[in-house]
Amino acid sequence: MGVPVEISAQVGAVPIGSALPEPGTKMPVPVPSALEPVLGNGLRRGWVVSVTGPAAGSLGLALMAEASSAGGWCAVVGVPELGVVAAAGMGIEPARLVLVDEPSQRWPEVVAALLEGVEVVLLRPAGRPNPTVVRRLTALARRHGSVLVSAGAWEGAHVRLQVREASWVGVGNGHGHLRGRQALIQAEGRGAAGPGRQAWVWLPDPDGQITAASTAGGRDLTTTAPGPLHPPLAVAT
């Protein structure tokens, strides 16, 4: 059986073939400057990235923020609780974001279709992908010059990003507002800026964006005057 009608309609909204540079181009998919210490100047097109640990889903969204703000199409598959308002606050353009909330066991077909015309696809697989699916989707990402981000382990991923620590700040002694979340990101693999390279980042900062954090704990947000409460990214895994 093919992809369900409602999913086909969403995929059909993407201008297939027009969103991506030619496969093999040296121009990487840009990433937020806060992630450059672990990823260099971006992600090579055709690569697969795995993100694991607390806030892995939010990190996956962060990887598509720069591509989206630069005019690229992005997609999220298998994350029905996605916080769209928070994603927009990170720089993702909702008008160029394809959401496939519940692809069920047909998620490989959905992702295969999206990889043809979407710059970055964030996927939370329904179960551990079998080797055949892994090889097929990895090959499709390479063929079309897109980036596949798996919120979970992916055998043979070119880049492996692990959120080693993550904590929300802004609430103290039982009161206050969640103002931001800090995370320690470690990168491994061919796309890392260096072996075991780590960086502290705001994921997101008090303005809802992805920025560098100088140290764990950063500035004391519990004493900051209350400001707008940005919805948390409800995609952490």
Protein backbone atom coordinates (compact mmCIF):
# COMPACT_ATOMS: atom_id res chain seq x y z
CA MET A 1 0.00 0.00 0.00
CA GLY A 2 1.11 3.56 -0.63
CA VAL A 3 1.44 6.54 1.64
CA PRO A 4 -1.93 7.56 3.20
CA VAL A 5 -3.86 10.31 1.38
CA GLU A 6 -3.48 12.90 4.15
CA ILE A 7 0.27 12.38 4.28
CA SER A 8 0.52 12.50 0.50
CA ALA A 9 -1.21 15.89 0.55
CA GLN A 10 1.33 17.30 2.99
CA VAL A 11 4.28 15.95 1.05
CA GLY A 12 2.73 17.22 -2.16
CA ALA A 13 2.83 20.78 -0.82
CA VAL A 14 6.63 20.75 -1.04
CA PRO A 15 8.11 21.94 -4.34
CA ILE A 16 9.93 18.64 -4.91
CA GLY A 17 13.26 19.02 -6.64
CA SER A 18 13.41 22.82 -6.36
CA ALA A 19 14.44 23.28 -2.72
CA LEU A 20 17.85 21.61 -2.81
CA PRO A 21 21.17 22.45 -4.45
CA GLU A 22 22.67 19.88 -6.75
CA PRO A 23 23.76 16.72 -4.86
CA GLY A 24 27.46 16.84 -4.06
CA THR A 25 27.57 20.61 -3.65
CA LYS A 26 30.16 21.79 -1.15
CA MET A 27 27.81 24.34 0.40
CA PRO A 28 26.83 22.91 3.80
CA VAL A 29 23.50 23.22 5.54
CA PRO A 30 24.14 26.06 8.01
CA VAL A 31 23.75 25.57 11.75
CA PRO A 32 23.33 28.11 14.58
CA SER A 33 26.64 29.71 15.52
CA ALA A 34 26.28 28.24 19.03
CA LEU A 35 26.71 24.76 17.51
CA GLU A 36 29.71 25.61 15.33
CA PRO A 37 32.21 24.64 18.08
CA VAL A 38 31.03 21.03 17.72
CA LEU A 39 29.93 20.99 14.05
CA GLY A 40 32.18 23.47 12.29
CA ASN A 41 30.48 25.60 9.63
CA GLY A 42 27.52 23.29 9.09
CA LEU A 43 26.27 19.88 8.02
CA ARG A 44 27.37 18.33 4.76
CA ARG A 45 24.47 17.65 2.43
CA GLY A 46 23.63 13.97 2.17
CA TRP A 47 24.57 13.19 5.74
CA VAL A 48 22.58 11.49 8.50
CA VAL A 49 22.77 12.95 12.02
CA SER A 50 21.65 11.17 15.16
CA VAL A 51 20.70 13.17 18.26
CA THR A 52 20.29 11.45 21.62
CA GLY A 53 19.90 12.31 25.29
CA PRO A 54 17.58 14.70 27.13
CA ALA A 55 16.27 17.48 24.85
CA ALA A 56 17.36 15.54 21.77
CA GLY A 57 14.23 16.59 19.88
CA SER A 58 14.88 20.25 20.63
CA LEU A 59 18.44 19.87 19.39
CA GLY A 60 17.04 18.32 16.21
CA LEU A 61 14.89 21.41 15.69
CA ALA A 62 17.91 23.62 16.29
CA LEU A 63 19.71 21.88 13.42
CA MET A 64 17.05 23.01 10.96
CA ALA A 65 16.64 26.61 12.20
CA GLU A 66 19.30 28.24 10.00
CA ALA A 67 18.28 26.31 6.89
CA SER A 68 14.66 27.34 7.41
CA SER A 69 15.42 31.01 8.04
CA ALA A 70 17.51 31.00 4.85
CA GLY A 71 14.47 29.90 2.83
CA GLY A 72 14.76 26.10 2.90
CA TRP A 73 11.96 23.60 3.47
CA CYS A 74 12.09 21.39 6.56
CA ALA A 75 9.98 18.53 7.86
CA VAL A 76 9.26 16.79 11.16
CA VAL A 77 8.02 13.20 11.13
CA GLY A 78 6.66 11.27 14.10
CA VAL A 79 6.62 14.08 16.70
CA PRO A 80 2.93 14.89 17.31
CA GLU A 81 3.66 16.98 20.42
CA LEU A 82 5.87 19.42 18.50
CA GLY A 83 5.68 22.97 19.89
CA VAL A 84 5.20 24.95 16.66
CA VAL A 85 5.20 28.35 18.38
CA ALA A 86 8.46 27.56 20.11
CA ALA A 87 9.91 26.22 16.85
CA ALA A 88 9.02 29.49 15.14
CA GLY A 89 10.75 31.35 17.96
CA MET A 90 13.92 29.42 17.14
CA GLY A 91 13.84 30.69 13.56
CA ILE A 92 11.90 27.92 11.81
CA GLU A 93 9.43 29.29 9.27
CA PRO A 94 6.04 27.55 9.81
CA ALA A 95 5.02 28.18 6.19
CA ARG A 96 7.94 26.00 5.04
CA LEU A 97 7.58 23.33 7.71
CA VAL A 98 5.91 20.03 6.81
CA LEU A 99 4.49 18.11 9.79
CA VAL A 100 3.61 14.43 9.62
CA ASP A 101 2.48 13.69 13.15
CA GLU A 102 1.46 10.03 13.01
CA PRO A 103 3.00 8.16 10.05
CA SER A 104 2.64 4.84 11.92
CA GLN A 105 4.66 2.00 10.41
CA ARG A 106 4.78 3.76 7.04
CA TRP A 107 7.28 6.34 8.23
CA PRO A 108 10.05 5.02 5.93
CA GLU A 109 7.92 5.78 2.86
CA VAL A 110 7.05 9.23 4.21
CA VAL A 111 10.68 10.09 4.92
CA ALA A 112 11.77 8.75 1.53
CA ALA A 113 9.32 11.09 -0.21
CA LEU A 114 10.37 14.09 1.86
CA LEU A 115 14.10 13.59 1.33
CA GLU A 116 13.59 14.31 -2.36
CA GLY A 117 12.75 17.98 -1.82
CA VAL A 118 13.27 18.97 1.83
CA GLU A 119 16.61 20.27 3.11
CA VAL A 120 16.36 18.87 6.64
CA VAL A 121 14.06 16.08 7.86
CA LEU A 122 13.76 15.49 11.61
CA LEU A 123 12.52 11.98 12.31
CA ARG A 124 11.57 10.15 15.46
CA PRO A 125 11.36 6.55 14.25
CA ALA A 126 8.58 4.27 15.42
CA GLY A 127 10.91 1.69 16.89
CA ARG A 128 14.48 0.83 16.03
CA PRO A 129 15.03 1.09 12.25
CA ASN A 130 16.02 -2.18 10.63
CA PRO A 131 19.24 -2.29 8.59
CA THR A 132 17.41 -2.31 5.24
CA VAL A 133 15.51 0.89 6.08
CA VAL A 134 18.68 2.51 7.42
CA ARG A 135 20.60 1.77 4.21
CA ARG A 136 17.76 2.92 1.96
CA LEU A 137 17.13 6.24 3.68
CA THR A 138 20.84 6.95 4.11
CA ALA A 139 21.31 6.39 0.38
CA LEU A 140 18.36 8.65 -0.48
CA ALA A 141 19.69 11.48 1.70
CA ARG A 142 23.04 11.21 -0.07
CA ARG A 143 21.41 11.07 -3.53
CA HIS A 144 19.23 14.14 -3.00
CA GLY A 145 21.66 16.21 -0.94
CA SER A 146 19.35 16.55 2.04
CA VAL A 147 20.10 16.03 5.75
CA LEU A 148 18.26 13.40 7.78
CA VAL A 149 18.22 13.99 11.55
CA SER A 150 17.17 11.03 13.67
CA ALA A 151 15.94 11.70 17.21
CA GLY A 152 17.41 8.44 18.39
CA ALA A 153 20.29 6.17 17.49
CA TRP A 154 20.96 5.56 13.78
CA GLU A 155 23.46 2.93 12.71
CA GLY A 156 26.25 4.45 10.66
CA ALA A 157 25.26 8.09 11.25
CA HIS A 158 27.86 10.52 9.91
CA VAL A 159 27.48 12.73 12.98
CA ARG A 160 26.35 11.70 16.46
CA LEU A 161 25.24 14.48 18.78
CA GLN A 162 24.57 13.62 22.40
CA VAL A 163 22.95 15.92 24.94
CA ARG A 164 25.01 14.93 27.95
CA GLU A 165 23.34 17.31 30.41
CA ALA A 166 20.29 19.55 30.22
CA SER A 167 18.44 21.66 32.77
CA TRP A 168 15.82 24.39 32.76
CA VAL A 169 16.62 27.59 34.65
CA GLY A 170 14.44 30.36 36.03
CA VAL A 171 12.54 28.55 38.77
CA GLY A 172 13.86 28.74 42.30
CA ASN A 173 12.39 27.76 45.68
CA GLY A 174 9.12 26.69 44.11
CA HIS A 175 8.33 29.89 42.20
CA GLY A 176 9.29 31.81 39.07
CA HIS A 177 9.14 31.17 35.33
CA LEU A 178 11.01 28.76 33.09
CA ARG A 179 13.22 31.18 31.20
CA GLY A 180 15.60 28.94 29.29
CA ARG A 181 17.35 25.61 29.13
CA GLN A 182 21.06 24.93 29.01
CA ALA A 183 22.52 21.80 27.47
CA LEU A 184 25.96 20.29 27.10
CA ILE A 185 26.34 18.99 23.54
CA GLN A 186 28.99 16.49 22.51
CA ALA A 187 29.72 15.58 18.90
CA GLU A 188 31.34 12.44 17.49
CA GLY A 189 31.82 11.15 13.97
CA ARG A 190 33.05 12.42 10.63
CA GLY A 191 31.08 15.66 10.86
CA ALA A 192 32.31 16.70 14.30
CA ALA A 193 34.63 19.68 14.62
CA GLY A 194 37.01 17.52 16.68
CA PRO A 195 37.05 14.23 18.63
CA GLY A 196 34.77 14.48 21.65
CA ARG A 197 34.23 18.22 21.11
CA GLN A 198 31.71 19.69 23.57
CA ALA A 199 29.86 22.99 23.94
CA TRP A 200 27.33 24.48 26.32
CA VAL A 201 24.36 26.05 24.55
CA TRP A 202 21.06 27.64 25.46
CA LEU A 203 18.37 25.31 24.09
CA PRO A 204 16.55 27.75 24.02
CA ASP A 205 17.69 31.00 25.66
CA PRO A 206 15.23 33.43 27.37
CA ASP A 207 14.31 34.84 23.94
CA GLY A 208 13.53 31.40 22.56
CA GLN A 209 16.68 31.22 20.42
CA ILE A 210 19.73 28.97 20.24
CA THR A 211 22.77 30.78 21.60
CA ALA A 212 26.07 29.94 23.26
CA ALA A 213 26.29 29.52 27.04
CA SER A 214 29.69 30.29 28.50
CA THR A 215 29.43 27.89 31.45
CA ALA A 216 26.98 25.51 33.07
CA GLY A 217 24.37 27.54 34.91
CA GLY A 218 25.13 30.76 33.01
CA ARG A 219 23.64 33.95 34.36
CA ASP A 220 21.14 33.80 37.19
CA LEU A 221 17.75 33.96 35.50
CA THR A 222 15.87 33.55 38.75
CA THR A 223 16.64 37.18 39.60
CA THR A 224 15.73 38.57 36.17
CA ALA A 225 12.57 40.61 35.86
CA PRO A 226 9.73 38.48 34.46
CA GLY A 227 9.43 38.59 30.70
CA PRO A 228 7.41 36.74 28.05
CA LEU A 229 7.29 33.03 28.73
CA HIS A 230 8.24 31.18 25.60
CA PRO A 231 6.52 27.79 25.34
CA PRO A 232 8.99 24.97 25.96
CA LEU A 233 9.92 22.78 23.03
CA ALA A 234 7.74 19.78 23.71
CA VAL A 235 9.89 17.42 21.72
CA ALA A 236 12.54 16.37 24.23
CA THR A 237 13.21 12.67 24.31
